[in-house]
Amino acid sequence: MFVRIVKMSFHQENIPAFLEMFDEKKASIKNREGCEFLELYQDKTNPEIFFTYSHWKHEDDLEAYRNSELFKNVWKQTKAMFNDKPYAWSVDKLVSLS
């Protein structure tokens, strides 16, 4: 299992449309093969910055999602709303405390 973190920054006027689109697509993303967890965060000091945080069983599962029509459509809509370059990290979880 690994974690995918994506940082996105939006024009203020596009935030409601992004949130609506995310709400419509979140279940479809979460139900992709290998996606075990999905969350969306908003920065506390800059409300234009958002992060997605997802857990994937295997890198191949994420790649299959990234090559899917679902991802292509979501990413096309999302990137049109950006006010800055997105950043993405794939990381291995080393420690988790609950």
PDB file of N, CA and C in Angstrom:
ATOM      1  N   MET A   1       0.842  -1.174   0.000  1.00  0.00           N
ATOM      2  CA  MET A   1       0.000   0.000   0.000  1.00  0.00           C
ATOM      3  C   MET A   1       0.889   1.240   0.000  1.00  0.00           C
ATOM      4  N   PHE A   2       0.433   2.242  -0.721  1.00  0.00           N
ATOM      5  CA  PHE A   2       1.138   3.521  -0.685  1.00  0.00           C
ATOM      6  C   PHE A   2       0.125   4.650  -0.725  1.00  0.00           C
ATOM      7  N   VAL A   3       0.614   5.851  -0.451  1.00  0.00           N
ATOM      8  CA  VAL A   3      -0.238   7.029  -0.344  1.00  0.00           C
ATOM      9  C   VAL A   3       0.084   7.972  -1.492  1.00  0.00           C
ATOM     10  N   ARG A   4      -0.943   8.532  -2.087  1.00  0.00           N
ATOM     11  CA  ARG A   4      -0.791   9.538  -3.144  1.00  0.00           C
ATOM     12  C   ARG A   4      -1.329  10.855  -2.591  1.00  0.00           C
ATOM     13  N   ILE A   5      -0.493  11.891  -2.645  1.00  0.00           N
ATOM     14  CA  ILE A   5      -0.869  13.227  -2.187  1.00  0.00           C
ATOM     15  C   ILE A   5      -0.764  14.165  -3.380  1.00  0.00           C
ATOM     16  N   VAL A   6      -1.828  14.902  -3.638  1.00  0.00           N
ATOM     17  CA  VAL A   6      -1.835  15.858  -4.746  1.00  0.00           C
ATOM     18  C   VAL A   6      -2.221  17.226  -4.197  1.00  0.00           C
ATOM     19  N   LYS A   7      -1.379  18.214  -4.480  1.00  0.00           N
ATOM     20  CA  LYS A   7      -1.641  19.594  -4.075  1.00  0.00           C
ATOM     21  C   LYS A   7      -2.131  20.365  -5.289  1.00  0.00           C
ATOM     22  N   MET A   8      -3.266  21.059  -5.116  1.00  0.00           N
ATOM     23  CA  MET A   8      -3.865  21.827  -6.205  1.00  0.00           C
ATOM     24  C   MET A   8      -4.237  23.208  -5.695  1.00  0.00           C
ATOM     25  N   SER A   9      -4.082  24.200  -6.533  1.00  0.00           N
ATOM     26  CA  SER A   9      -4.443  25.569  -6.178  1.00  0.00           C
ATOM     27  C   SER A   9      -5.402  26.108  -7.231  1.00  0.00           C
ATOM     28  N   PHE A  10      -6.514  26.680  -6.765  1.00  0.00           N
ATOM     29  CA  PHE A  10      -7.593  27.103  -7.650  1.00  0.00           C
ATOM     30  C   PHE A  10      -7.830  28.607  -7.593  1.00  0.00           C
ATOM     31  N   HIS A  11      -8.300  29.143  -8.706  1.00  0.00           N
ATOM     32  CA  HIS A  11      -8.821  30.504  -8.694  1.00  0.00           C
ATOM     33  C   HIS A  11     -10.030  30.499  -7.757  1.00  0.00           C
ATOM     34  N   GLN A  12     -10.147  31.515  -6.921  1.00  0.00           N
ATOM     35  CA  GLN A  12     -11.208  31.593  -5.911  1.00  0.00           C
ATOM     36  C   GLN A  12     -12.597  31.346  -6.513  1.00  0.00           C
ATOM     37  N   GLU A  13     -12.845  31.928  -7.673  1.00  0.00           N
ATOM     38  CA  GLU A  13     -14.178  31.791  -8.279  1.00  0.00           C
ATOM     39  C   GLU A  13     -14.465  30.370  -8.770  1.00  0.00           C
ATOM     40  N   ASN A  14     -13.436  29.524  -8.889  1.00  0.00           N
ATOM     41  CA  ASN A  14     -13.627  28.149  -9.358  1.00  0.00           C
ATOM     42  C   ASN A  14     -13.800  27.137  -8.231  1.00  0.00           C
ATOM     43  N   ILE A  15     -13.595  27.550  -6.997  1.00  0.00           N
ATOM     44  CA  ILE A  15     -13.667  26.614  -5.880  1.00  0.00           C
ATOM     45  C   ILE A  15     -15.044  25.960  -5.759  1.00  0.00           C
ATOM     46  N   PRO A  16     -16.156  26.690  -5.839  1.00  0.00           N
ATOM     47  CA  PRO A  16     -17.457  26.008  -5.754  1.00  0.00           C
ATOM     48  C   PRO A  16     -17.647  24.955  -6.852  1.00  0.00           C
ATOM     49  N   ALA A  17     -17.213  25.249  -8.071  1.00  0.00           N
ATOM     50  CA  ALA A  17     -17.352  24.280  -9.159  1.00  0.00           C
ATOM     51  C   ALA A  17     -16.471  23.059  -8.917  1.00  0.00           C
ATOM     52  N   PHE A  18     -15.251  23.276  -8.406  1.00  0.00           N
ATOM     53  CA  PHE A  18     -14.378  22.145  -8.098  1.00  0.00           C
ATOM     54  C   PHE A  18     -15.008  21.272  -7.013  1.00  0.00           C
ATOM     55  N   LEU A  19     -15.501  21.882  -5.941  1.00  0.00           N
ATOM     56  CA  LEU A  19     -16.098  21.114  -4.853  1.00  0.00           C
ATOM     57  C   LEU A  19     -17.319  20.330  -5.319  1.00  0.00           C
ATOM     58  N   GLU A  20     -18.107  20.921  -6.179  1.00  0.00           N
ATOM     59  CA  GLU A  20     -19.276  20.223  -6.725  1.00  0.00           C
ATOM     60  C   GLU A  20     -18.836  19.033  -7.569  1.00  0.00           C
ATOM     61  N   MET A  21     -17.849  19.244  -8.432  1.00  0.00           N
ATOM     62  CA  MET A  21     -17.345  18.169  -9.274  1.00  0.00           C
ATOM     63  C   MET A  21     -16.740  17.053  -8.423  1.00  0.00           C
ATOM     64  N   PHE A  22     -15.955  17.409  -7.400  1.00  0.00           N
ATOM     65  CA  PHE A  22     -15.359  16.399  -6.526  1.00  0.00           C
ATOM     66  C   PHE A  22     -16.452  15.593  -5.824  1.00  0.00           C
ATOM     67  N   ASP A  23     -17.477  16.277  -5.343  1.00  0.00           N
ATOM     68  CA  ASP A  23     -18.575  15.588  -4.666  1.00  0.00           C
ATOM     69  C   ASP A  23     -19.258  14.591  -5.606  1.00  0.00           C
ATOM     70  N   GLU A  24     -19.414  14.968  -6.864  1.00  0.00           N
ATOM     71  CA  GLU A  24     -20.044  14.080  -7.850  1.00  0.00           C
ATOM     72  C   GLU A  24     -19.174  12.876  -8.185  1.00  0.00           C
ATOM     73  N   LYS A  25     -17.858  13.032  -8.175  1.00  0.00           N
ATOM     74  CA  LYS A  25     -16.939  11.990  -8.654  1.00  0.00           C
ATOM     75  C   LYS A  25     -16.268  11.180  -7.556  1.00  0.00           C
ATOM     76  N   LYS A  26     -16.334  11.628  -6.309  1.00  0.00           N
ATOM     77  CA  LYS A  26     -15.559  10.987  -5.239  1.00  0.00           C
ATOM     78  C   LYS A  26     -15.876   9.505  -5.075  1.00  0.00           C
ATOM     79  N   ALA A  27     -17.117   9.114  -5.156  1.00  0.00           N
ATOM     80  CA  ALA A  27     -17.471   7.704  -4.993  1.00  0.00           C
ATOM     81  C   ALA A  27     -16.907   6.871  -6.146  1.00  0.00           C
ATOM     82  N   SER A  28     -16.960   7.400  -7.350  1.00  0.00           N
ATOM     83  CA  SER A  28     -16.407   6.679  -8.506  1.00  0.00           C
ATOM     84  C   SER A  28     -14.899   6.512  -8.382  1.00  0.00           C
ATOM     85  N   ILE A  29     -14.227   7.539  -7.872  1.00  0.00           N
ATOM     86  CA  ILE A  29     -12.779   7.442  -7.668  1.00  0.00           C
ATOM     87  C   ILE A  29     -12.482   6.418  -6.575  1.00  0.00           C
ATOM     88  N   LYS A  30     -13.179   6.533  -5.451  1.00  0.00           N
ATOM     89  CA  LYS A  30     -12.952   5.629  -4.319  1.00  0.00           C
ATOM     90  C   LYS A  30     -13.247   4.186  -4.696  1.00  0.00           C
ATOM     91  N   ASN A  31     -14.185   3.954  -5.605  1.00  0.00           N
ATOM     92  CA  ASN A  31     -14.559   2.600  -5.995  1.00  0.00           C
ATOM     93  C   ASN A  31     -13.665   1.996  -7.068  1.00  0.00           C
ATOM     94  N   ARG A  32     -12.652   2.727  -7.495  1.00  0.00           N
ATOM     95  CA  ARG A  32     -11.698   2.177  -8.458  1.00  0.00           C
ATOM     96  C   ARG A  32     -10.943   1.017  -7.809  1.00  0.00           C
ATOM     97  N   GLU A  33     -10.599   0.042  -8.607  1.00  0.00           N
ATOM     98  CA  GLU A  33      -9.821  -1.098  -8.141  1.00  0.00           C
ATOM     99  C   GLU A  33      -8.559  -0.613  -7.434  1.00  0.00           C
ATOM    100  N   GLY A  34      -8.376  -1.031  -6.197  1.00  0.00           N
ATOM    101  CA  GLY A  34      -7.161  -0.717  -5.454  1.00  0.00           C
ATOM    102  C   GLY A  34      -7.203   0.538  -4.616  1.00  0.00           C
ATOM    103  N   CYS A  35      -8.212   1.389  -4.795  1.00  0.00           N
ATOM    104  CA  CYS A  35      -8.301   2.604  -3.976  1.00  0.00           C
ATOM    105  C   CYS A  35      -8.969   2.240  -2.652  1.00  0.00           C
ATOM    106  N   GLU A  36      -8.208   2.375  -1.577  1.00  0.00           N
ATOM    107  CA  GLU A  36      -8.705   1.979  -0.263  1.00  0.00           C
ATOM    108  C   GLU A  36      -9.174   3.153   0.589  1.00  0.00           C
ATOM    109  N   PHE A  37      -8.829   4.380   0.189  1.00  0.00           N
ATOM    110  CA  PHE A  37      -9.095   5.533   1.043  1.00  0.00           C
ATOM    111  C   PHE A  37      -8.983   6.781   0.192  1.00  0.00           C
ATOM    112  N   LEU A  38      -9.855   7.758   0.423  1.00  0.00           N
ATOM    113  CA  LEU A  38      -9.803   9.020  -0.310  1.00  0.00           C
ATOM    114  C   LEU A  38     -10.305  10.144   0.579  1.00  0.00           C
ATOM    115  N   GLU A  39      -9.508  11.213   0.667  1.00  0.00           N
ATOM    116  CA  GLU A  39      -9.930  12.404   1.409  1.00  0.00           C
ATOM    117  C   GLU A  39      -9.533  13.641   0.631  1.00  0.00           C
ATOM    118  N   LEU A  40     -10.249  14.730   0.905  1.00  0.00           N
ATOM    119  CA  LEU A  40      -9.948  16.044   0.338  1.00  0.00           C
ATOM    120  C   LEU A  40      -9.739  17.003   1.495  1.00  0.00           C
ATOM    121  N   TYR A  41      -8.664  17.770   1.429  1.00  0.00           N
ATOM    122  CA  TYR A  41      -8.341  18.756   2.464  1.00  0.00           C
ATOM    123  C   TYR A  41      -8.269  20.144   1.847  1.00  0.00           C
ATOM    124  N   GLN A  42      -8.559  21.161   2.660  1.00  0.00           N
ATOM    125  CA  GLN A  42      -8.405  22.553   2.257  1.00  0.00           C
ATOM    126  C   GLN A  42      -7.463  23.237   3.241  1.00  0.00           C
ATOM    127  N   ASP A  43      -6.506  23.976   2.725  1.00  0.00           N
ATOM    128  CA  ASP A  43      -5.534  24.663   3.558  1.00  0.00           C
ATOM    129  C   ASP A  43      -6.236  25.665   4.482  1.00  0.00           C
ATOM    130  N   LYS A  44      -5.805  25.733   5.730  1.00  0.00           N
ATOM    131  CA  LYS A  44      -6.433  26.621   6.705  1.00  0.00           C
ATOM    132  C   LYS A  44      -6.071  28.093   6.498  1.00  0.00           C
ATOM    133  N   THR A  45      -4.901  28.368   5.948  1.00  0.00           N
ATOM    134  CA  THR A  45      -4.493  29.760   5.789  1.00  0.00           C
ATOM    135  C   THR A  45      -4.702  30.289   4.375  1.00  0.00           C
ATOM    136  N   ASN A  46      -4.719  29.411   3.392  1.00  0.00           N
ATOM    137  CA  ASN A  46      -4.971  29.818   2.008  1.00  0.00           C
ATOM    138  C   ASN A  46      -6.081  28.932   1.444  1.00  0.00           C
ATOM    139  N   PRO A  47      -7.312  29.411   1.426  1.00  0.00           N
ATOM    140  CA  PRO A  47      -8.442  28.579   1.008  1.00  0.00           C
ATOM    141  C   PRO A  47      -8.432  28.206  -0.469  1.00  0.00           C
ATOM    142  N   GLU A  48      -7.485  28.742  -1.241  1.00  0.00           N
ATOM    143  CA  GLU A  48      -7.370  28.356  -2.651  1.00  0.00           C
ATOM    144  C   GLU A  48      -6.585  27.056  -2.830  1.00  0.00           C
ATOM    145  N   ILE A  49      -5.941  26.570  -1.770  1.00  0.00           N
ATOM    146  CA  ILE A  49      -5.107  25.375  -1.861  1.00  0.00           C
ATOM    147  C   ILE A  49      -5.852  24.168  -1.287  1.00  0.00           C
ATOM    148  N   PHE A  50      -5.853  23.080  -2.066  1.00  0.00           N
ATOM    149  CA  PHE A  50      -6.493  21.824  -1.688  1.00  0.00           C
ATOM    150  C   PHE A  50      -5.497  20.683  -1.856  1.00  0.00           C
ATOM    151  N   PHE A  51      -5.745  19.604  -1.110  1.00  0.00           N
ATOM    152  CA  PHE A  51      -4.949  18.397  -1.227  1.00  0.00           C
ATOM    153  C   PHE A  51      -5.887  17.204  -1.321  1.00  0.00           C
ATOM    154  N   THR A  52      -5.590  16.283  -2.214  1.00  0.00           N
ATOM    155  CA  THR A  52      -6.239  14.980  -2.155  1.00  0.00           C
ATOM    156  C   THR A  52      -5.235  14.016  -1.536  1.00  0.00           C
ATOM    157  N   TYR A  53      -5.764  13.085  -0.776  1.00  0.00           N
ATOM    158  CA  TYR A  53      -4.966  12.123  -0.049  1.00  0.00           C
ATOM    159  C   TYR A  53      -5.635  10.777  -0.269  1.00  0.00           C
ATOM    160  N   SER A  54      -4.943   9.858  -0.945  1.00  0.00           N
ATOM    161  CA  SER A  54      -5.553   8.566  -1.247  1.00  0.00           C
ATOM    162  C   SER A  54      -4.574   7.438  -0.972  1.00  0.00           C
ATOM    163  N   HIS A  55      -5.128   6.290  -0.582  1.00  0.00           N
ATOM    164  CA  HIS A  55      -4.345   5.075  -0.343  1.00  0.00           C
ATOM    165  C   HIS A  55      -4.643   4.105  -1.485  1.00  0.00           C
ATOM    166  N   TRP A  56      -3.597   3.500  -2.013  1.00  0.00           N
ATOM    167  CA  TRP A  56      -3.720   2.546  -3.119  1.00  0.00           C
ATOM    168  C   TRP A  56      -3.010   1.248  -2.757  1.00  0.00           C
ATOM    169  N   LYS A  57      -3.607   0.123  -3.144  1.00  0.00           N
ATOM    170  CA  LYS A  57      -2.992  -1.178  -2.856  1.00  0.00           C
ATOM    171  C   LYS A  57      -1.674  -1.340  -3.605  1.00  0.00           C
ATOM    172  N   HIS A  58      -1.697  -1.004  -4.893  1.00  0.00           N
ATOM    173  CA  HIS A  58      -0.523  -1.213  -5.744  1.00  0.00           C
ATOM    174  C   HIS A  58      -0.357  -0.026  -6.689  1.00  0.00           C
ATOM    175  N   GLU A  59       0.862   0.225  -7.102  1.00  0.00           N
ATOM    176  CA  GLU A  59       1.113   1.299  -8.060  1.00  0.00           C
ATOM    177  C   GLU A  59       0.360   1.065  -9.369  1.00  0.00           C
ATOM    178  N   ASP A  60       0.206  -0.198  -9.754  1.00  0.00           N
ATOM    179  CA  ASP A  60      -0.539  -0.517 -10.979  1.00  0.00           C
ATOM    180  C   ASP A  60      -1.998  -0.074 -10.878  1.00  0.00           C
ATOM    181  N   ASP A  61      -2.562  -0.117  -9.678  1.00  0.00           N
ATOM    182  CA  ASP A  61      -3.950   0.329  -9.494  1.00  0.00           C
ATOM    183  C   ASP A  61      -4.069   1.830  -9.755  1.00  0.00           C
ATOM    184  N   LEU A  62      -3.128   2.597  -9.222  1.00  0.00           N
ATOM    185  CA  LEU A  62      -3.139   4.040  -9.474  1.00  0.00           C
ATOM    186  C   LEU A  62      -2.924   4.312 -10.946  1.00  0.00           C
ATOM    187  N   GLU A  63      -2.010   3.608 -11.575  1.00  0.00           N
ATOM    188  CA  GLU A  63      -1.753   3.826 -13.003  1.00  0.00           C
ATOM    189  C   GLU A  63      -2.972   3.474 -13.842  1.00  0.00           C
ATOM    190  N   ALA A  64      -3.677   2.411 -13.480  1.00  0.00           N
ATOM    191  CA  ALA A  64      -4.906   2.051 -14.203  1.00  0.00           C
ATOM    192  C   ALA A  64      -5.937   3.167 -14.071  1.00  0.00           C
ATOM    193  N   TYR A  65      -6.068   3.725 -12.864  1.00  0.00           N
ATOM    194  CA  TYR A  65      -6.976   4.858 -12.669  1.00  0.00           C
ATOM    195  C   TYR A  65      -6.531   6.053 -13.507  1.00  0.00           C
ATOM    196  N   ARG A  66      -5.245   6.362 -13.480  1.00  0.00           N
ATOM    197  CA  ARG A  66      -4.730   7.519 -14.218  1.00  0.00           C
ATOM    198  C   ARG A  66      -4.891   7.364 -15.736  1.00  0.00           C
ATOM    199  N   ASN A  67      -5.015   6.136 -16.212  1.00  0.00           N
ATOM    200  CA  ASN A  67      -5.227   5.890 -17.642  1.00  0.00           C
ATOM    201  C   ASN A  67      -6.697   5.692 -18.000  1.00  0.00           C
ATOM    202  N   SER A  68      -7.577   5.831 -17.015  1.00  0.00           N
ATOM    203  CA  SER A  68      -9.008   5.607 -17.240  1.00  0.00           C
ATOM    204  C   SER A  68      -9.691   6.861 -17.798  1.00  0.00           C
ATOM    205  N   GLU A  69     -10.840   6.657 -18.408  1.00  0.00           N
ATOM    206  CA  GLU A  69     -11.648   7.780 -18.894  1.00  0.00           C
ATOM    207  C   GLU A  69     -12.117   8.645 -17.732  1.00  0.00           C
ATOM    208  N   LEU A  70     -12.414   8.016 -16.586  1.00  0.00           N
ATOM    209  CA  LEU A  70     -12.829   8.772 -15.404  1.00  0.00           C
ATOM    210  C   LEU A  70     -11.765   9.803 -15.050  1.00  0.00           C
ATOM    211  N   PHE A  71     -10.511   9.355 -14.903  1.00  0.00           N
ATOM    212  CA  PHE A  71      -9.445  10.284 -14.547  1.00  0.00           C
ATOM    213  C   PHE A  71      -9.260  11.349 -15.621  1.00  0.00           C
ATOM    214  N   LYS A  72      -9.238  10.948 -16.876  1.00  0.00           N
ATOM    215  CA  LYS A  72      -9.019  11.911 -17.958  1.00  0.00           C
ATOM    216  C   LYS A  72     -10.073  13.008 -17.938  1.00  0.00           C
ATOM    217  N   ASN A  73     -11.328  12.639 -17.698  1.00  0.00           N
ATOM    218  CA  ASN A  73     -12.407  13.638 -17.643  1.00  0.00           C
ATOM    219  C   ASN A  73     -12.292  14.523 -16.406  1.00  0.00           C
ATOM    220  N   VAL A  74     -12.026  13.905 -15.241  1.00  0.00           N
ATOM    221  CA  VAL A  74     -11.899  14.673 -13.995  1.00  0.00           C
ATOM    222  C   VAL A  74     -10.706  15.623 -14.089  1.00  0.00           C
ATOM    223  N   TRP A  75      -9.572  15.122 -14.573  1.00  0.00           N
ATOM    224  CA  TRP A  75      -8.367  15.953 -14.634  1.00  0.00           C
ATOM    225  C   TRP A  75      -8.540  17.098 -15.626  1.00  0.00           C
ATOM    226  N   LYS A  76      -9.191  16.836 -16.757  1.00  0.00           N
ATOM    227  CA  LYS A  76      -9.431  17.905 -17.742  1.00  0.00           C
ATOM    228  C   LYS A  76     -10.256  19.030 -17.121  1.00  0.00           C
ATOM    229  N   GLN A  77     -11.309  18.680 -16.407  1.00  0.00           N
ATOM    230  CA  GLN A  77     -12.148  19.684 -15.745  1.00  0.00           C
ATOM    231  C   GLN A  77     -11.365  20.417 -14.655  1.00  0.00           C
ATOM    232  N   THR A  78     -10.627  19.646 -13.867  1.00  0.00           N
ATOM    233  CA  THR A  78      -9.937  20.213 -12.709  1.00  0.00           C
ATOM    234  C   THR A  78      -8.824  21.163 -13.118  1.00  0.00           C
ATOM    235  N   LYS A  79      -7.969  20.740 -14.040  1.00  0.00           N
ATOM    236  CA  LYS A  79      -6.809  21.573 -14.379  1.00  0.00           C
ATOM    237  C   LYS A  79      -7.210  22.888 -15.040  1.00  0.00           C
ATOM    238  N   ALA A  80      -8.387  22.956 -15.627  1.00  0.00           N
ATOM    239  CA  ALA A  80      -8.870  24.209 -16.220  1.00  0.00           C
ATOM    240  C   ALA A  80      -9.163  25.257 -15.140  1.00  0.00           C
ATOM    241  N   MET A  81      -9.284  24.832 -13.887  1.00  0.00           N
ATOM    242  CA  MET A  81      -9.619  25.737 -12.784  1.00  0.00           C
ATOM    243  C   MET A  81      -8.407  26.181 -11.974  1.00  0.00           C
ATOM    244  N   PHE A  82      -7.221  25.634 -12.274  1.00  0.00           N
ATOM    245  CA  PHE A  82      -6.021  25.912 -11.488  1.00  0.00           C
ATOM    246  C   PHE A  82      -5.545  27.356 -11.631  1.00  0.00           C
ATOM    247  N   ASN A  83      -4.929  27.858 -10.566  1.00  0.00           N
ATOM    248  CA  ASN A  83      -4.229  29.139 -10.631  1.00  0.00           C
ATOM    249  C   ASN A  83      -2.725  28.958 -10.432  1.00  0.00           C
ATOM    250  N   ASP A  84      -2.282  27.692 -10.321  1.00  0.00           N
ATOM    251  CA  ASP A  84      -0.864  27.383 -10.147  1.00  0.00           C
ATOM    252  C   ASP A  84      -0.646  25.935 -10.567  1.00  0.00           C
ATOM    253  N   LYS A  85       0.594  25.582 -10.748  1.00  0.00           N
ATOM    254  CA  LYS A  85       0.964  24.224 -11.126  1.00  0.00           C
ATOM    255  C   LYS A  85       0.607  23.252 -10.003  1.00  0.00           C
ATOM    256  N   PRO A  86       0.019  22.080 -10.335  1.00  0.00           N
ATOM    257  CA  PRO A  86      -0.244  21.080  -9.302  1.00  0.00           C
ATOM    258  C   PRO A  86       1.039  20.313  -8.964  1.00  0.00           C
ATOM    259  N   TYR A  87       1.057  19.731  -7.791  1.00  0.00           N
ATOM    260  CA  TYR A  87       2.181  18.903  -7.351  1.00  0.00           C
ATOM    261  C   TYR A  87       1.631  17.584  -6.842  1.00  0.00           C
ATOM    262  N   ALA A  88       2.341  16.490  -7.110  1.00  0.00           N
ATOM    263  CA  ALA A  88       1.885  15.175  -6.662  1.00  0.00           C
ATOM    264  C   ALA A  88       3.065  14.380  -6.119  1.00  0.00           C
ATOM    265  N   TRP A  89       2.774  13.619  -5.058  1.00  0.00           N
ATOM    266  CA  TRP A  89       3.764  12.756  -4.448  1.00  0.00           C
ATOM    267  C   TRP A  89       3.152  11.377  -4.231  1.00  0.00           C
ATOM    268  N   SER A  90       3.932  10.344  -4.497  1.00  0.00           N
ATOM    269  CA  SER A  90       3.583   8.984  -4.088  1.00  0.00           C
ATOM    270  C   SER A  90       4.562   8.615  -2.985  1.00  0.00           C
ATOM    271  N   VAL A  91       4.019   8.269  -1.832  1.00  0.00           N
ATOM    272  CA  VAL A  91       4.868   8.018  -0.666  1.00  0.00           C
ATOM    273  C   VAL A  91       4.473   6.702  -0.017  1.00  0.00           C
ATOM    274  N   ASP A  92       5.441   6.069   0.633  1.00  0.00           N
ATOM    275  CA  ASP A  92       5.168   4.878   1.424  1.00  0.00           C
ATOM    276  C   ASP A  92       4.933   5.297   2.866  1.00  0.00           C
ATOM    277  N   LYS A  93       3.889   4.737   3.447  1.00  0.00           N
ATOM    278  CA  LYS A  93       3.606   5.020   4.862  1.00  0.00           C
ATOM    279  C   LYS A  93       4.573   4.213   5.717  1.00  0.00           C
ATOM    280  N   LEU A  94       5.282   4.890   6.592  1.00  0.00           N
ATOM    281  CA  LEU A  94       6.253   4.240   7.470  1.00  0.00           C
ATOM    282  C   LEU A  94       5.705   4.001   8.865  1.00  0.00           C
ATOM    283  N   VAL A  95       4.958   4.969   9.377  1.00  0.00           N
ATOM    284  CA  VAL A  95       4.408   4.864  10.733  1.00  0.00           C
ATOM    285  C   VAL A  95       3.004   5.441  10.730  1.00  0.00           C
ATOM    286  N   SER A  96       2.104   4.798  11.425  1.00  0.00           N
ATOM    287  CA  SER A  96       0.746   5.319  11.576  1.00  0.00           C
ATOM    288  C   SER A  96       0.280   5.035  13.001  1.00  0.00           C
ATOM    289  N   LEU A  97      -0.162   6.083  13.676  1.00  0.00           N
ATOM    290  CA  LEU A  97      -0.690   5.942  15.036  1.00  0.00           C
ATOM    291  C   LEU A  97      -2.153   6.335  15.029  1.00  0.00           C
ATOM    292  N   SER A  98      -2.978   5.582  15.702  1.00  0.00           N
ATOM    293  CA  SER A  98      -4.405   5.914  15.771  1.00  0.00           C
ATOM    294  C   SER A  98      -4.793   6.224  17.192  1.00  0.00           C
TER     295      SER A  98
END
